[in-house]
Each structure stands twice: as structure tokens, then as C-alpha cells.
Amino acid sequence: MKSNTRCQWSEKDDLYRAYHDIEWGKPVFDDAVFFEFIILETFQAGLSWHTILRKRENFRKAFDNFDYKKIANYKSDKIAELLEDSGIIRNKLKVNSAVSNAIAFMEIQEEFRSFSEYFWAFSGGKQIWNNIESYSDAPATTDLSDKISKDLKKRGFKFVGSTVVYAFMQATGMVDDHINSCFCKSEK
């Protein structure tokens, strides 16, 4: 029987606890959810995840519910509107990357039938279960995140360095980095 212990990082507040308990480390197969995390993780680069989570609903509203088909067609007027939106991170390079990443995302879908198939192929369709006693033991990058980052960049993605990609792998459940005593830790 699992304990009621959580990963220590998630004890910051209710927002973090809910994210930890419901989403983090749970395998994702839905392309819409993948794209939401691409937007959030790329905007998180250089910032805290807590900052992004607090602004998540603002991002959802500003970016048309993370609809990559709409985002791929954003023009200069929409980008200017986003850069004035104090509810999101107003970084011009990151806002522009949302558009180019949406285009690259759809190109991957066209080539692989879905982003999910493309992404999960890197791990052979299996979740990577790390032996984490303390969250400080979790890596920031791995050889696999390096490989995925390199491939995404080759395909035109921006703000997808290895650290961002590893956080994306954790968020979307390719990697389970819950501490071993956490009640959310999946079984091997």
C-alpha cells in the first residue's frame, strides 16, 4: 500500500499539489495536451514552473485554448495583442516561437500521424521509471532529452533545449520522476 507522501517540491501550495497529483508524470497520448505543454514549457524557459502554472488559464485564453491550428496562423496583429497581454509572459521571441512551434508540430503530425507517435517512439513506447529517493536526485537532462531536443530543433522548434525537453518528458509522463515513496509513483 502506497503512503500519502508527495514529492517535496509539490508542497509549495494547492496549485502545485493539484498539478503534482493529477498531471505530472502521468503518460499523455493526446496531441492537444502535448501542444499545451509545449507552449507552457517553452514559455517556462528561464522562469519558475510555478509562475507558468499561475498564468496557465491566462495562456489558455490568450492562445485560443492552445489550438495549434489557430496558433499556426497567427499574424502580426495577434502577436502584437499577445505582447500587450499582462496575463502571460510577454517575451517576443517566445510568442513568435509559439507560432513556429505550432507549424512544426503539425508537420510532425503529418509525417508520423500524430505527435504522440513521434514522441513516444523515442522511448520505445514505454514510460521511463527513475529510481528517485529525493527529488534532488532527478536529472535536469539526459542523453534522451538531448536527442529529442536535437531532433525538435532540426524540425524547426524553438526554446526546446535539453532542460526544457526533460521537463516536458516529466510533465507528459514519458519519465516518472516521482520520488519512490510518493503515492503517485507508477509501478514498473
C-alpha atoms as a PDB file:
ATOM      1  CA  MET A   1       0.000   0.000   0.000  1.00  0.00           C
ATOM      2  CA  LYS A   2       1.369   3.397  -1.011  1.00  0.00           C
ATOM      3  CA  SER A   3       1.861   6.133   1.533  1.00  0.00           C
ATOM      4  CA  ASN A   4       0.288   9.558   1.315  1.00  0.00           C
ATOM      5  CA  THR A   5       3.729  11.118   0.806  1.00  0.00           C
ATOM      6  CA  ARG A   6       4.131  13.585  -2.060  1.00  0.00           C
ATOM      7  CA  CYS A   7       7.236  14.780  -3.828  1.00  0.00           C
ATOM      8  CA  GLN A   8       8.541  17.580  -1.622  1.00  0.00           C
ATOM      9  CA  TRP A   9       8.643  20.183  -4.440  1.00  0.00           C
ATOM     10  CA  SER A  10       4.858  19.951  -4.779  1.00  0.00           C
ATOM     11  CA  GLU A  11       4.144  21.072  -1.213  1.00  0.00           C
ATOM     12  CA  LYS A  12       4.576  24.767  -2.097  1.00  0.00           C
ATOM     13  CA  ASP A  13       0.818  25.389  -2.380  1.00  0.00           C
ATOM     14  CA  ASP A  14      -2.501  23.909  -3.533  1.00  0.00           C
ATOM     15  CA  LEU A  15      -1.794  24.742  -7.181  1.00  0.00           C
ATOM     16  CA  TYR A  16       1.421  22.718  -7.126  1.00  0.00           C
ATOM     17  CA  ARG A  17      -0.176  19.874  -5.164  1.00  0.00           C
ATOM     18  CA  ALA A  18      -3.030  19.577  -7.678  1.00  0.00           C
ATOM     19  CA  TYR A  19      -0.637  19.668 -10.638  1.00  0.00           C
ATOM     20  CA  HIS A  20       1.550  17.030  -8.987  1.00  0.00           C
ATOM     21  CA  ASP A  21      -1.326  14.741  -8.032  1.00  0.00           C
ATOM     22  CA  ILE A  22      -3.325  14.960 -11.258  1.00  0.00           C
ATOM     23  CA  GLU A  23      -0.903  15.634 -14.116  1.00  0.00           C
ATOM     24  CA  TRP A  24       2.834  15.462 -13.503  1.00  0.00           C
ATOM     25  CA  GLY A  25       4.368  12.180 -14.592  1.00  0.00           C
ATOM     26  CA  LYS A  26       1.086  10.793 -15.968  1.00  0.00           C
ATOM     27  CA  PRO A  27       1.518   9.500 -19.539  1.00  0.00           C
ATOM     28  CA  VAL A  28      -0.024  11.761 -22.186  1.00  0.00           C
ATOM     29  CA  PHE A  29      -1.157  10.477 -25.586  1.00  0.00           C
ATOM     30  CA  ASP A  30      -3.441  13.335 -26.676  1.00  0.00           C
ATOM     31  CA  ASP A  31      -1.816  15.715 -29.175  1.00  0.00           C
ATOM     32  CA  ALA A  32      -3.798  18.688 -27.852  1.00  0.00           C
ATOM     33  CA  VAL A  33      -2.387  18.108 -24.365  1.00  0.00           C
ATOM     34  CA  PHE A  34       1.110  17.673 -25.789  1.00  0.00           C
ATOM     35  CA  PHE A  35       0.848  21.025 -27.529  1.00  0.00           C
ATOM     36  CA  GLU A  36      -0.401  22.741 -24.382  1.00  0.00           C
ATOM     37  CA  PHE A  37       2.678  21.501 -22.558  1.00  0.00           C
ATOM     38  CA  ILE A  38       4.928  22.600 -25.437  1.00  0.00           C
ATOM     39  CA  ILE A  39       3.552  26.127 -25.094  1.00  0.00           C
ATOM     40  CA  LEU A  40       3.830  26.125 -21.302  1.00  0.00           C
ATOM     41  CA  GLU A  41       7.279  24.527 -21.126  1.00  0.00           C
ATOM     42  CA  THR A  42       8.781  26.800 -23.774  1.00  0.00           C
ATOM     43  CA  PHE A  43       7.448  29.880 -22.006  1.00  0.00           C
ATOM     44  CA  GLN A  44       8.827  28.490 -18.756  1.00  0.00           C
ATOM     45  CA  ALA A  45      12.411  28.516 -20.081  1.00  0.00           C
ATOM     46  CA  GLY A  46      14.379  30.661 -17.640  1.00  0.00           C
ATOM     47  CA  LEU A  47      11.424  31.069 -15.268  1.00  0.00           C
ATOM     48  CA  SER A  48       9.862  29.016 -12.495  1.00  0.00           C
ATOM     49  CA  TRP A  49       7.212  26.430 -13.294  1.00  0.00           C
ATOM     50  CA  HIS A  50       5.097  27.928 -10.530  1.00  0.00           C
ATOM     51  CA  THR A  51       4.990  31.233 -12.455  1.00  0.00           C
ATOM     52  CA  ILE A  52       3.709  29.396 -15.523  1.00  0.00           C
ATOM     53  CA  LEU A  53       1.121  27.380 -13.602  1.00  0.00           C
ATOM     54  CA  ARG A  54      -0.258  30.558 -12.032  1.00  0.00           C
ATOM     55  CA  LYS A  55      -0.668  32.015 -15.530  1.00  0.00           C
ATOM     56  CA  ARG A  56      -1.896  28.806 -17.190  1.00  0.00           C
ATOM     57  CA  GLU A  57      -5.519  29.906 -17.593  1.00  0.00           C
ATOM     58  CA  ASN A  58      -4.359  33.261 -18.957  1.00  0.00           C
ATOM     59  CA  PHE A  59      -2.234  31.374 -21.507  1.00  0.00           C
ATOM     60  CA  ARG A  60      -5.224  29.183 -22.366  1.00  0.00           C
ATOM     61  CA  LYS A  61      -7.374  32.248 -23.062  1.00  0.00           C
ATOM     62  CA  ALA A  62      -4.661  34.208 -24.889  1.00  0.00           C
ATOM     63  CA  PHE A  63      -3.642  31.260 -27.085  1.00  0.00           C
ATOM     64  CA  ASP A  64      -7.104  30.138 -28.189  1.00  0.00           C
ATOM     65  CA  ASN A  65      -7.245  27.170 -25.815  1.00  0.00           C
ATOM     66  CA  PHE A  66      -3.832  26.022 -27.139  1.00  0.00           C
ATOM     67  CA  ASP A  67      -5.351  25.287 -30.563  1.00  0.00           C
ATOM     68  CA  TYR A  68      -2.215  24.715 -32.643  1.00  0.00           C
ATOM     69  CA  LYS A  69      -4.145  25.044 -35.928  1.00  0.00           C
ATOM     70  CA  LYS A  70      -5.201  28.566 -34.985  1.00  0.00           C
ATOM     71  CA  ILE A  71      -1.828  29.464 -33.477  1.00  0.00           C
ATOM     72  CA  ALA A  72      -0.009  28.392 -36.660  1.00  0.00           C
ATOM     73  CA  ASN A  73      -1.988  31.085 -38.496  1.00  0.00           C
ATOM     74  CA  TYR A  74      -1.384  33.951 -36.079  1.00  0.00           C
ATOM     75  CA  LYS A  75      -0.472  37.145 -37.888  1.00  0.00           C
ATOM     76  CA  SER A  76       1.305  40.282 -36.687  1.00  0.00           C
ATOM     77  CA  ASP A  77      -1.859  41.818 -35.179  1.00  0.00           C
ATOM     78  CA  LYS A  78      -2.460  38.781 -32.955  1.00  0.00           C
ATOM     79  CA  ILE A  79       1.214  38.691 -31.946  1.00  0.00           C
ATOM     80  CA  ALA A  80       1.037  42.398 -31.042  1.00  0.00           C
ATOM     81  CA  GLU A  81      -2.080  41.673 -28.957  1.00  0.00           C
ATOM     82  CA  LEU A  82      -0.256  38.854 -27.125  1.00  0.00           C
ATOM     83  CA  LEU A  83       2.712  41.109 -26.419  1.00  0.00           C
ATOM     84  CA  GLU A  84       0.335  43.530 -24.667  1.00  0.00           C
ATOM     85  CA  ASP A  85      -1.324  40.794 -22.575  1.00  0.00           C
ATOM     86  CA  SER A  86      -0.055  41.138 -18.998  1.00  0.00           C
ATOM     87  CA  GLY A  87      -1.625  37.780 -18.110  1.00  0.00           C
ATOM     88  CA  ILE A  88       1.080  35.855 -19.973  1.00  0.00           C
ATOM     89  CA  ILE A  89       4.846  36.096 -20.374  1.00  0.00           C
ATOM     90  CA  ARG A  90       5.333  38.914 -22.873  1.00  0.00           C
ATOM     91  CA  ASN A  91       8.548  37.763 -24.482  1.00  0.00           C
ATOM     92  CA  LYS A  92       8.559  38.468 -28.214  1.00  0.00           C
ATOM     93  CA  LEU A  93      10.834  35.535 -29.060  1.00  0.00           C
ATOM     94  CA  LYS A  94       8.686  33.118 -27.059  1.00  0.00           C
ATOM     95  CA  VAL A  95       5.425  34.439 -28.516  1.00  0.00           C
ATOM     96  CA  ASN A  96       6.837  34.087 -32.036  1.00  0.00           C
ATOM     97  CA  SER A  97       8.106  30.606 -31.177  1.00  0.00           C
ATOM     98  CA  ALA A  98       4.545  29.550 -30.294  1.00  0.00           C
ATOM     99  CA  VAL A  99       3.627  30.179 -33.927  1.00  0.00           C
ATOM    100  CA  SER A 100       6.657  28.430 -35.432  1.00  0.00           C
ATOM    101  CA  ASN A 101       6.301  25.549 -32.964  1.00  0.00           C
ATOM    102  CA  ALA A 102       2.639  25.111 -33.957  1.00  0.00           C
ATOM    103  CA  ILE A 103       3.689  24.838 -37.600  1.00  0.00           C
ATOM    104  CA  ALA A 104       6.472  22.357 -36.774  1.00  0.00           C
ATOM    105  CA  PHE A 105       4.054  20.404 -34.549  1.00  0.00           C
ATOM    106  CA  MET A 106       1.618  19.942 -37.448  1.00  0.00           C
ATOM    107  CA  GLU A 107       4.463  18.900 -39.757  1.00  0.00           C
ATOM    108  CA  ILE A 108       5.354  16.157 -37.274  1.00  0.00           C
ATOM    109  CA  GLN A 109       1.695  15.086 -37.166  1.00  0.00           C
ATOM    110  CA  GLU A 110       1.671  14.871 -40.948  1.00  0.00           C
ATOM    111  CA  GLU A 111       4.838  12.772 -41.014  1.00  0.00           C
ATOM    112  CA  PHE A 112       4.094  10.482 -38.036  1.00  0.00           C
ATOM    113  CA  ARG A 113       0.246  10.526 -37.934  1.00  0.00           C
ATOM    114  CA  SER A 114       0.413  12.168 -34.503  1.00  0.00           C
ATOM    115  CA  PHE A 115       2.824  14.000 -32.269  1.00  0.00           C
ATOM    116  CA  SER A 116       2.189  11.292 -29.693  1.00  0.00           C
ATOM    117  CA  GLU A 117       3.520   8.562 -32.008  1.00  0.00           C
ATOM    118  CA  TYR A 118       6.579  10.663 -32.802  1.00  0.00           C
ATOM    119  CA  PHE A 119       7.308  11.471 -29.158  1.00  0.00           C
ATOM    120  CA  TRP A 120       6.700   8.042 -27.646  1.00  0.00           C
ATOM    121  CA  ALA A 121       8.889   6.369 -30.306  1.00  0.00           C
ATOM    122  CA  PHE A 122      11.913   7.888 -28.558  1.00  0.00           C
ATOM    123  CA  SER A 123      11.290   5.684 -25.506  1.00  0.00           C
ATOM    124  CA  GLY A 124      10.044   2.673 -27.417  1.00  0.00           C
ATOM    125  CA  GLY A 125       6.513   3.484 -26.281  1.00  0.00           C
ATOM    126  CA  LYS A 126       7.427   2.853 -22.663  1.00  0.00           C
ATOM    127  CA  GLN A 127       7.453   5.097 -19.619  1.00  0.00           C
ATOM    128  CA  ILE A 128      10.889   5.600 -18.086  1.00  0.00           C
ATOM    129  CA  TRP A 129      10.711   4.900 -14.390  1.00  0.00           C
ATOM    130  CA  ASN A 130      13.577   6.522 -12.480  1.00  0.00           C
ATOM    131  CA  ASN A 131      14.683   5.416  -9.037  1.00  0.00           C
ATOM    132  CA  ILE A 132      14.403   8.725  -7.172  1.00  0.00           C
ATOM    133  CA  GLU A 133      14.842   8.761  -3.403  1.00  0.00           C
ATOM    134  CA  SER A 134      14.957  12.567  -3.182  1.00  0.00           C
ATOM    135  CA  TYR A 135      13.954  14.994  -5.905  1.00  0.00           C
ATOM    136  CA  SER A 136      17.489  16.385  -5.838  1.00  0.00           C
ATOM    137  CA  ASP A 137      18.450  13.017  -7.396  1.00  0.00           C
ATOM    138  CA  ALA A 138      16.379  13.729 -10.523  1.00  0.00           C
ATOM    139  CA  PRO A 139      18.427  14.767 -13.536  1.00  0.00           C
ATOM    140  CA  ALA A 140      17.893  18.066 -15.358  1.00  0.00           C
ATOM    141  CA  THR A 141      18.811  16.486 -18.687  1.00  0.00           C
ATOM    142  CA  THR A 142      19.566  13.026 -20.034  1.00  0.00           C
ATOM    143  CA  ASP A 143      21.026  11.582 -23.206  1.00  0.00           C
ATOM    144  CA  LEU A 144      17.435  11.019 -24.356  1.00  0.00           C
ATOM    145  CA  SER A 145      16.375  14.624 -23.696  1.00  0.00           C
ATOM    146  CA  ASP A 146      19.491  15.717 -25.615  1.00  0.00           C
ATOM    147  CA  LYS A 147      18.435  13.502 -28.534  1.00  0.00           C
ATOM    148  CA  ILE A 148      14.810  14.707 -28.552  1.00  0.00           C
ATOM    149  CA  SER A 149      15.909  18.339 -28.214  1.00  0.00           C
ATOM    150  CA  LYS A 150      18.264  17.997 -31.166  1.00  0.00           C
ATOM    151  CA  ASP A 151      15.557  16.395 -33.299  1.00  0.00           C
ATOM    152  CA  LEU A 152      12.923  19.013 -32.380  1.00  0.00           C
ATOM    153  CA  LYS A 153      15.352  21.826 -33.220  1.00  0.00           C
ATOM    154  CA  LYS A 154      16.157  20.169 -36.549  1.00  0.00           C
ATOM    155  CA  ARG A 155      12.405  20.192 -37.237  1.00  0.00           C
ATOM    156  CA  GLY A 156      12.140  23.934 -36.528  1.00  0.00           C
ATOM    157  CA  PHE A 157      11.105  24.054 -32.870  1.00  0.00           C
ATOM    158  CA  LYS A 158      12.370  26.923 -30.719  1.00  0.00           C
ATOM    159  CA  PHE A 159      13.050  27.088 -26.944  1.00  0.00           C
ATOM    160  CA  VAL A 160      13.439  23.317 -26.757  1.00  0.00           C
ATOM    161  CA  GLY A 161      16.833  22.904 -25.161  1.00  0.00           C
ATOM    162  CA  SER A 162      17.543  19.668 -23.355  1.00  0.00           C
ATOM    163  CA  THR A 163      16.443  21.016 -19.942  1.00  0.00           C
ATOM    164  CA  VAL A 164      13.090  22.191 -21.342  1.00  0.00           C
ATOM    165  CA  VAL A 165      12.661  18.866 -23.141  1.00  0.00           C
ATOM    166  CA  TYR A 166      13.412  16.895 -19.972  1.00  0.00           C
ATOM    167  CA  ALA A 167      10.814  18.933 -18.066  1.00  0.00           C
ATOM    168  CA  PHE A 168       8.410  18.218 -20.958  1.00  0.00           C
ATOM    169  CA  MET A 169       9.206  14.499 -20.664  1.00  0.00           C
ATOM    170  CA  GLN A 170       8.392  14.661 -16.943  1.00  0.00           C
ATOM    171  CA  ALA A 171       5.228  16.715 -17.425  1.00  0.00           C
ATOM    172  CA  THR A 172       3.863  14.390 -20.106  1.00  0.00           C
ATOM    173  CA  GLY A 173       4.793  11.188 -18.309  1.00  0.00           C
ATOM    174  CA  MET A 174       7.471   9.785 -20.579  1.00  0.00           C
ATOM    175  CA  VAL A 175       9.543   9.983 -17.424  1.00  0.00           C
ATOM    176  CA  ASP A 176       8.245   9.208 -13.955  1.00  0.00           C
ATOM    177  CA  ASP A 177      10.488  11.137 -11.561  1.00  0.00           C
ATOM    178  CA  HIS A 178       8.172  10.958  -8.576  1.00  0.00           C
ATOM    179  CA  ILE A 179      10.193  10.016  -5.514  1.00  0.00           C
ATOM    180  CA  ASN A 180       9.923   6.338  -4.674  1.00  0.00           C
ATOM    181  CA  SER A 181       7.799   6.984  -1.571  1.00  0.00           C
ATOM    182  CA  CYS A 182       5.324   9.252  -3.422  1.00  0.00           C
ATOM    183  CA  PHE A 183       1.801   7.924  -3.720  1.00  0.00           C
ATOM    184  CA  CYS A 184       1.816   8.995  -7.389  1.00  0.00           C
ATOM    185  CA  LYS A 185       4.816   6.845  -8.313  1.00  0.00           C
ATOM    186  CA  SER A 186       3.760   4.470 -11.062  1.00  0.00           C
ATOM    187  CA  GLU A 187       4.588   0.794 -10.970  1.00  0.00           C
ATOM    188  CA  LYS A 188       7.343  -0.563 -13.194  1.00  0.00           C
END
